[in-house]
């Protein structure tokens, strides 16, 4: 009985290997990679809760809108708004901060994506309060202006098929160049 079971298991292993089961490679969670990599060299954090990307010239607020940065953490709950209201929030934030904060474009949001990892695919050392959610960008669909563009932080994929009134979290960015 034991020999027969071993032969059956051996056959199963051969069949699975022949079927290409080895193509399913483990994609690590980004936290696994971050433990080894640390804070990226091209990012310069300040004490006010923003980080400057020296490669793109973008300054990001490190917490989702509605949160505040304190002692390396994002405090409070992120707010979720439709894209139009999120843009209005950014304008009000800009007026109070006397700087031109706005929602990032799809291409700017993609600069945050860490390749080769998931859950989230954004550096949690840099953005400690990031949610696993679709984050608004300031972009709209080229083929349907009634749809907005978001980036799903779980895997970093962007799409432009989100109803503009759908409540979503968002980040704020400003250009320094």
Foldseek 3Di string as FASTA:
>chain_A
DVVVVVVVVVVVVVVCVVVPVVVDDDQAAVVVVCVVVPDDPQWDDDQQQWIARNVQQKIWRQEWPPWGDDPQATDDDFWWWFLVVQQVVQVVVCVVVVARKGFAALVVLLVQAQPRHFDFRGDCSRRVHDDQWWAFGNAADPVDNQWGKTAGRGHRDIDHHHGRGGTDITIIMHGRD
